[in-house]
Amino acid sequence: MPIESQISEYLHQKAETLECPPAVSKRIEQSYSQYVQRQRSKKTMKKRWIGGIMAAAIMIPTVAFAAPPLIEMVTRTPMTAEQVKMDAVGQAALEKLYRSYPETKSFEIIDASQLGGDPANAGHGKAIQTSIVLQEKGAHGKKFRLDVNGITGEIEHVNQENWEPQEKPVISLTDQEIKSKVDDLINKLYGSTGKYKSSMEPMQNSDLKTIILNYTEKGSKTPFYQALVQGNTISVSLIGGGPAPSVEGFFTTNGKPDYTADDFLNDEKLFALLHMSPAELKQELAKGASVVEIAASKQISKKQVMDVIASTQANKEIQADSHGGASSDDERTLEQLKQSLGLKVSKVIEHKTETPW
């Protein structure tokens, strides 16, 4: 059994015997809400968070916020502030933040890590993602978290926390004020929101007041940016927009298509492996079967399915970075990307429609 499966099984068993403190439960709910938001959005690997909030919320609920998420504990390498400043991707992200928010120059880098690569040996392979957390001095100091794509240099995700007074957090503002705050964050770190159509809606089935904002290009069904506002935090994810997938709604959540599953499963190589058309796969999934079960009925292993999907997603990333050209680092980067996708691909192909993830 792979080490990831052994760890997952062990933690599931332990979690069943432990009682989660109320304070930690609340923080897990916040994390899970962010996870649900991401799962509703179609994202290529290039636009995807590579952290492990999902693993933390599902597998280690009692310690999820006492330590880094499980997937990060296993695969991430801590970085010092000096290493961040020597890293080209990290330094570029910091310079962009400093230009946009000059006061952050005085903030302390309180946490940083890298997925893949070697922060102690600059230039030794590409990191898949660099994450940096900066905070102003003080118990409730302003905070930023940047998750930067190590290959493209794009800021895939940003968290802006405690930028409003504690007695009047951002979620307590009017809808217009909240949108103005989100617009400002996107405008400063990404570019003008002027060409995007925006929509705002409360997140369903959430005990904490949570608002989702989608910024969509004309003619696209997928948001280019998606923001989540909760408590005193604004989270923005770069999704990238683009046309709707060839088949929508392989899985649904609350009656709506799950764009993560659609992105992973709209794969010509997967259809060829399963000897099924997209419509036939969708029909079988609607009956309550998982992709793994459908594959097993055809004597196709879970590993074969995972390899096909992970390879497709990883190749998308490399092609986007090289603009169709080849790179001497492609093979190594491809393997790193495939490994980082393992848990997410597994969750998709084991999922059964309309059941909790």
Protein backbone atom coordinates (compact mmCIF):
# COMPACT_ATOMS: atom_id res chain seq x y z
CA MET A 1 0.00 0.00 0.00
CA PRO A 2 1.42 3.44 -0.90
CA ILE A 3 2.67 5.51 2.04
CA GLU A 4 0.00 8.18 1.35
CA SER A 5 -2.76 5.57 1.70
CA GLN A 6 -1.24 4.19 4.90
CA ILE A 7 -1.04 7.66 6.44
CA SER A 8 -4.59 8.46 5.36
CA GLU A 9 -6.00 5.23 6.81
CA TYR A 10 -4.13 5.68 10.10
CA LEU A 11 -5.28 9.28 10.52
CA HIS A 12 -8.88 8.40 9.72
CA GLN A 13 -8.82 5.77 12.49
CA LYS A 14 -7.28 8.20 14.98
CA ALA A 15 -9.70 10.98 14.08
CA GLU A 16 -12.69 8.78 14.91
CA THR A 17 -11.51 8.41 18.52
CA LEU A 18 -10.72 12.08 19.17
CA GLU A 19 -12.98 14.93 20.22
CA CYS A 20 -12.42 18.18 18.39
CA PRO A 21 -12.29 21.35 20.54
CA PRO A 22 -14.95 23.95 19.53
CA ALA A 23 -12.34 26.59 18.70
CA VAL A 24 -10.56 24.26 16.33
CA SER A 25 -13.86 23.13 14.78
CA LYS A 26 -14.64 26.72 13.91
CA ARG A 27 -11.29 27.19 12.19
CA ILE A 28 -11.73 23.93 10.28
CA GLU A 29 -15.12 25.16 9.08
CA GLN A 30 -13.43 28.25 7.68
CA SER A 31 -10.87 26.12 5.88
CA TYR A 32 -13.50 23.72 4.57
CA SER A 33 -15.57 26.60 3.21
CA GLN A 34 -12.54 27.72 1.21
CA TYR A 35 -12.09 24.17 -0.03
CA VAL A 36 -15.71 23.98 -1.20
CA GLN A 37 -15.24 27.25 -3.06
CA ARG A 38 -12.24 25.84 -4.91
CA GLN A 39 -14.04 22.60 -5.74
CA ARG A 40 -16.81 24.57 -7.45
CA SER A 41 -14.34 26.23 -9.77
CA LYS A 42 -12.79 24.81 -12.94
CA LYS A 43 -9.05 25.12 -12.56
CA THR A 44 -6.17 23.88 -14.61
CA MET A 45 -3.08 22.72 -12.74
CA LYS A 46 -1.59 26.09 -13.58
CA LYS A 47 -4.27 27.80 -11.51
CA ARG A 48 -4.54 25.29 -8.73
CA TRP A 49 -3.64 25.56 -5.05
CA ILE A 50 -1.11 22.88 -4.33
CA GLY A 51 -1.45 23.09 -0.54
CA GLY A 52 -3.34 20.48 1.43
CA ILE A 53 -6.29 22.18 3.14
CA MET A 54 -8.53 19.36 1.93
CA ALA A 55 -6.29 16.77 3.54
CA ALA A 56 -6.17 18.78 6.74
CA ALA A 57 -9.92 19.23 7.00
CA ILE A 58 -10.77 15.63 6.14
CA MET A 59 -7.96 13.58 7.65
CA ILE A 60 -6.61 15.47 10.66
CA PRO A 61 -9.46 17.57 12.03
CA THR A 62 -8.11 17.85 15.57
CA VAL A 63 -4.69 19.13 14.59
CA ALA A 64 -5.36 20.81 11.27
CA PHE A 65 -4.38 24.22 12.53
CA ALA A 66 -1.79 23.18 15.06
CA ALA A 67 0.57 22.23 12.24
CA PRO A 68 0.81 22.60 8.44
CA PRO A 69 -1.64 20.54 6.34
CA LEU A 70 -0.65 16.90 5.95
CA ILE A 71 0.26 17.07 2.28
CA GLU A 72 2.51 20.05 2.99
CA MET A 73 4.12 18.27 5.95
CA VAL A 74 5.01 15.40 3.64
CA THR A 75 6.16 17.27 0.55
CA ARG A 76 7.00 20.89 1.43
CA THR A 77 10.41 22.25 2.32
CA PRO A 78 10.57 25.17 4.78
CA MET A 79 12.36 28.31 3.63
CA THR A 80 14.07 31.03 5.62
CA ALA A 81 13.44 34.71 4.89
CA GLU A 82 16.90 34.87 3.32
CA GLN A 83 16.12 31.94 1.01
CA VAL A 84 12.86 33.60 -0.06
CA LYS A 85 14.74 36.74 -1.01
CA MET A 86 17.29 34.72 -2.99
CA ASP A 87 14.57 32.78 -4.81
CA ALA A 88 13.69 34.50 -8.11
CA VAL A 89 10.00 33.59 -7.95
CA GLY A 90 9.64 34.53 -4.29
CA GLN A 91 11.52 37.79 -4.71
CA ALA A 92 9.42 38.81 -7.73
CA ALA A 93 6.21 38.15 -5.78
CA LEU A 94 7.47 40.19 -2.82
CA GLU A 95 8.46 43.09 -5.04
CA LYS A 96 4.98 43.11 -6.55
CA LEU A 97 3.42 43.09 -3.10
CA TYR A 98 5.70 45.89 -1.88
CA ARG A 99 4.81 48.05 -4.89
CA SER A 100 1.12 47.44 -4.36
CA TYR A 101 1.15 47.80 -0.58
CA PRO A 102 4.27 49.78 0.45
CA GLU A 103 3.60 49.29 4.17
CA THR A 104 4.25 45.56 3.78
CA LYS A 105 7.97 46.31 3.37
CA SER A 106 8.11 46.48 7.17
CA PHE A 107 6.21 43.19 7.61
CA GLU A 108 8.08 40.13 8.85
CA ILE A 109 8.17 36.91 6.84
CA ILE A 110 6.75 34.56 9.47
CA ASP A 111 6.46 31.46 7.31
CA ALA A 112 7.62 30.28 3.89
CA SER A 113 7.90 26.97 2.10
CA GLN A 114 8.46 25.41 -1.27
CA LEU A 115 6.87 22.43 -3.00
CA GLY A 116 9.55 20.73 -5.08
CA GLY A 117 12.92 22.24 -5.94
CA ASP A 118 15.66 22.94 -3.42
CA PRO A 119 15.56 26.33 -1.62
CA ALA A 120 19.08 25.78 -0.29
CA ASN A 121 20.45 25.40 -3.83
CA ALA A 122 19.09 28.14 -6.08
CA GLY A 123 18.53 26.96 -9.61
CA HIS A 124 18.54 23.26 -8.65
CA GLY A 125 15.27 22.27 -10.31
CA LYS A 126 12.07 24.28 -10.38
CA ALA A 127 9.77 24.48 -7.38
CA ILE A 128 6.15 23.79 -8.20
CA GLN A 129 4.94 26.40 -5.73
CA THR A 130 6.42 28.92 -3.32
CA SER A 131 4.28 30.09 -0.39
CA ILE A 132 5.09 33.16 1.68
CA VAL A 133 3.32 34.54 4.76
CA LEU A 134 4.06 38.08 5.96
CA GLN A 135 2.63 39.76 9.04
CA GLU A 136 2.72 43.14 10.71
CA LYS A 137 3.92 43.16 14.31
CA GLY A 138 1.19 42.71 16.90
CA ALA A 139 -1.29 40.05 17.95
CA HIS A 140 -3.79 41.08 15.29
CA GLY A 141 -1.33 42.50 12.81
CA LYS A 142 -2.20 42.75 9.15
CA LYS A 143 -1.23 39.65 7.22
CA PHE A 144 -0.67 38.50 3.64
CA ARG A 145 -0.21 35.01 2.27
CA LEU A 146 0.99 34.54 -1.31
CA ASP A 147 0.93 31.18 -3.11
CA VAL A 148 3.08 31.59 -6.22
CA ASN A 149 3.36 29.20 -9.14
CA GLY A 150 7.04 28.24 -9.19
CA ILE A 151 7.03 27.62 -12.93
CA THR A 152 5.03 30.55 -14.31
CA GLY A 153 5.63 33.05 -11.48
CA GLU A 154 1.91 33.83 -11.23
CA ILE A 155 0.33 34.52 -7.86
CA GLU A 156 -2.20 31.71 -7.84
CA HIS A 157 -3.78 32.65 -4.54
CA VAL A 158 -3.61 35.48 -2.04
CA ASN A 159 -5.02 35.89 1.48
CA GLN A 160 -5.41 39.37 2.94
CA GLU A 161 -6.19 39.15 6.66
CA ASN A 162 -6.85 41.66 9.46
CA TRP A 163 -6.88 44.73 7.22
CA GLU A 164 -10.06 45.94 8.88
CA PRO A 165 -10.50 46.68 12.63
CA GLN A 166 -11.25 43.59 14.71
CA GLU A 167 -14.45 45.17 15.98
CA LYS A 168 -15.69 45.63 12.39
CA PRO A 169 -14.31 42.82 10.24
CA VAL A 170 -14.59 42.92 6.47
CA ILE A 171 -17.55 40.48 6.41
CA SER A 172 -19.60 42.97 8.47
CA LEU A 173 -19.34 45.68 5.79
CA THR A 174 -22.04 46.36 3.22
CA ASP A 175 -22.03 44.37 -0.02
CA GLN A 176 -20.81 47.43 -1.89
CA GLU A 177 -17.98 48.00 0.59
CA ILE A 178 -16.95 44.35 0.45
CA LYS A 179 -16.86 44.39 -3.35
CA SER A 180 -14.80 47.57 -3.24
CA LYS A 181 -12.25 45.87 -0.95
CA VAL A 182 -12.03 42.82 -3.21
CA ASP A 183 -11.77 44.98 -6.33
CA ASP A 184 -8.90 46.89 -4.75
CA LEU A 185 -6.99 43.71 -3.92
CA ILE A 186 -7.39 42.32 -7.45
CA ASN A 187 -6.57 45.64 -9.09
CA LYS A 188 -3.33 45.98 -7.15
CA LEU A 189 -2.00 42.43 -7.46
CA TYR A 190 -3.46 41.26 -10.77
CA GLY A 191 -4.84 44.06 -12.93
CA SER A 192 -8.00 46.03 -13.61
CA THR A 193 -11.32 44.37 -12.84
CA GLY A 194 -13.01 46.70 -15.32
CA LYS A 195 -13.40 44.15 -18.12
CA TYR A 196 -14.93 41.50 -15.87
CA LYS A 197 -18.56 40.98 -14.98
CA SER A 198 -18.84 40.35 -11.25
CA SER A 199 -21.42 38.52 -9.19
CA MET A 200 -21.81 38.11 -5.45
CA GLU A 201 -23.60 35.37 -3.53
CA PRO A 202 -23.61 33.92 -0.02
CA MET A 203 -22.13 30.47 0.38
CA GLN A 204 -24.79 27.88 1.05
CA ASN A 205 -24.64 25.44 3.98
CA SER A 206 -22.11 27.48 5.94
CA ASP A 207 -22.52 28.28 9.64
CA LEU A 208 -20.24 31.27 9.24
CA LYS A 209 -21.30 34.16 7.06
CA THR A 210 -19.38 33.71 3.85
CA ILE A 211 -19.61 35.57 0.56
CA ILE A 212 -18.28 34.44 -2.82
CA LEU A 213 -17.50 36.88 -5.62
CA ASN A 214 -16.91 35.70 -9.18
CA TYR A 215 -15.22 37.83 -11.84
CA THR A 216 -15.98 36.46 -15.29
CA GLU A 217 -14.92 37.49 -18.78
CA LYS A 218 -17.56 38.10 -21.43
CA GLY A 219 -18.40 34.85 -23.20
CA SER A 220 -16.89 32.63 -20.51
CA LYS A 221 -18.75 30.46 -18.03
CA THR A 222 -15.80 30.04 -15.71
CA PRO A 223 -14.64 32.84 -13.38
CA PHE A 224 -11.27 34.41 -14.10
CA TYR A 225 -10.95 35.39 -10.44
CA GLN A 226 -12.89 34.01 -7.52
CA ALA A 227 -12.89 35.62 -4.09
CA LEU A 228 -14.12 34.35 -0.75
CA VAL A 229 -14.80 36.74 2.12
CA GLN A 230 -15.14 35.36 5.62
CA GLY A 231 -14.47 36.91 9.01
CA ASN A 232 -11.68 39.43 8.54
CA THR A 233 -10.12 37.66 5.56
CA ILE A 234 -10.35 38.13 1.80
CA SER A 235 -9.08 35.21 -0.29
CA VAL A 236 -8.62 35.57 -4.05
CA SER A 237 -7.83 32.71 -6.42
CA LEU A 238 -6.63 33.09 -10.00
CA ILE A 239 -8.65 30.60 -12.01
CA GLY A 240 -8.10 31.77 -15.56
CA GLY A 241 -11.52 31.68 -17.16
CA GLY A 242 -11.82 30.10 -20.56
CA PRO A 243 -14.66 28.24 -22.29
CA ALA A 244 -16.87 25.76 -20.52
CA PRO A 245 -15.63 22.14 -20.52
CA SER A 246 -16.79 19.88 -23.33
CA VAL A 247 -19.07 18.04 -20.90
CA GLU A 248 -20.35 19.72 -17.76
CA GLY A 249 -21.59 18.15 -14.58
CA PHE A 250 -19.75 14.81 -14.33
CA PHE A 251 -20.28 15.41 -10.61
CA THR A 252 -22.66 17.85 -8.99
CA THR A 253 -22.72 19.57 -5.63
CA ASN A 254 -26.04 21.05 -4.53
CA GLY A 255 -27.24 20.55 -8.09
CA LYS A 256 -24.39 22.54 -9.64
CA PRO A 257 -21.49 21.21 -11.76
CA ASP A 258 -18.25 20.53 -9.92
CA TYR A 259 -15.72 22.23 -12.17
CA THR A 260 -12.71 20.51 -10.63
CA ALA A 261 -14.08 17.11 -11.61
CA ASP A 262 -15.07 18.44 -15.04
CA ASP A 263 -11.53 19.70 -15.61
CA PHE A 264 -9.93 16.41 -14.57
CA LEU A 265 -12.37 14.10 -16.35
CA ASN A 266 -12.63 15.93 -19.69
CA ASP A 267 -9.59 14.00 -20.86
CA GLU A 268 -9.48 12.29 -24.25
CA LYS A 269 -6.85 9.85 -23.00
CA LEU A 270 -9.09 8.89 -20.10
CA PHE A 271 -12.02 8.26 -22.45
CA ALA A 272 -9.76 6.11 -24.62
CA LEU A 273 -8.51 4.15 -21.60
CA LEU A 274 -12.07 3.47 -20.43
CA HIS A 275 -13.37 2.90 -23.99
CA MET A 276 -16.20 5.31 -23.25
CA SER A 277 -17.50 8.57 -24.65
CA PRO A 278 -17.83 11.61 -22.33
CA ALA A 279 -21.62 11.18 -22.35
CA GLU A 280 -21.35 7.50 -21.41
CA LEU A 281 -19.00 8.26 -18.53
CA LYS A 282 -21.33 10.97 -17.24
CA GLN A 283 -24.28 8.56 -17.45
CA GLU A 284 -22.48 5.88 -15.44
CA LEU A 285 -21.37 8.38 -12.79
CA ALA A 286 -24.96 9.60 -12.48
CA LYS A 287 -25.93 6.07 -11.41
CA GLY A 288 -23.73 6.42 -8.33
CA ALA A 289 -20.56 4.65 -9.46
CA SER A 290 -17.11 6.16 -9.06
CA VAL A 291 -14.55 6.39 -11.85
CA VAL A 292 -12.45 3.79 -10.01
CA GLU A 293 -15.40 1.37 -9.92
CA ILE A 294 -16.16 1.94 -13.60
CA ALA A 295 -12.51 1.30 -14.44
CA ALA A 296 -12.39 -1.84 -12.29
CA SER A 297 -15.37 -3.27 -14.17
CA LYS A 298 -13.18 -3.06 -17.27
CA GLN A 299 -10.11 -4.59 -15.54
CA ILE A 300 -8.39 -1.18 -15.46
CA SER A 301 -6.50 -0.30 -12.29
CA LYS A 302 -6.81 2.87 -10.23
CA LYS A 303 -3.12 3.56 -10.88
CA GLN A 304 -3.69 3.55 -14.65
CA VAL A 305 -6.50 6.08 -14.31
CA MET A 306 -4.47 8.29 -11.98
CA ASP A 307 -1.44 8.22 -14.30
CA VAL A 308 -3.51 9.31 -17.30
CA ILE A 309 -5.23 12.23 -15.53
CA ALA A 310 -2.12 13.42 -13.66
CA SER A 311 -0.01 13.28 -16.82
CA THR A 312 -2.53 15.34 -18.77
CA GLN A 313 -2.77 18.02 -16.08
CA ALA A 314 1.00 18.16 -15.57
CA ASN A 315 1.64 18.44 -19.32
CA LYS A 316 -0.81 21.35 -19.52
CA GLU A 317 1.31 23.14 -16.95
CA ILE A 318 4.61 22.52 -18.74
CA GLN A 319 3.19 23.48 -22.14
CA ALA A 320 1.79 26.70 -20.72
CA ASP A 321 5.18 27.57 -19.26
CA SER A 322 7.21 26.72 -22.36
CA HIS A 323 4.60 28.01 -24.85
CA GLY A 324 4.72 24.67 -26.63
CA GLY A 325 8.51 24.37 -26.63
CA ALA A 326 10.67 21.80 -24.89
CA SER A 327 12.70 22.32 -21.75
CA SER A 328 15.58 20.32 -20.31
CA ASP A 329 13.76 20.40 -16.99
CA ASP A 330 10.47 19.03 -18.40
CA GLU A 331 10.84 15.40 -17.33
CA ARG A 332 11.78 16.23 -13.76
CA THR A 333 9.12 18.92 -13.47
CA LEU A 334 6.51 16.59 -14.98
CA GLU A 335 7.16 13.98 -12.29
CA GLN A 336 6.99 16.59 -9.51
CA LEU A 337 3.70 17.91 -10.84
CA LYS A 338 2.24 14.41 -11.16
CA GLN A 339 3.22 13.58 -7.58
CA SER A 340 1.68 16.78 -6.24
CA LEU A 341 -1.59 15.93 -8.00
CA GLY A 342 -1.88 12.42 -6.59
CA LEU A 343 -4.20 13.12 -3.66
CA LYS A 344 -6.48 15.43 -5.65
CA VAL A 345 -6.81 13.00 -8.56
CA SER A 346 -7.54 10.18 -6.12
CA LYS A 347 -10.33 12.16 -4.47
CA VAL A 348 -11.95 12.90 -7.84
CA ILE A 349 -11.89 9.36 -9.19
CA GLU A 350 -13.13 7.86 -5.91
CA HIS A 351 -15.92 10.39 -5.49
CA LYS A 352 -19.56 9.48 -6.06
CA THR A 353 -21.88 12.20 -7.23
CA GLU A 354 -23.89 14.15 -4.64
CA THR A 355 -21.98 12.60 -1.73
CA PRO A 356 -19.71 14.54 0.65
CA TRP A 357 -16.10 14.93 -0.43
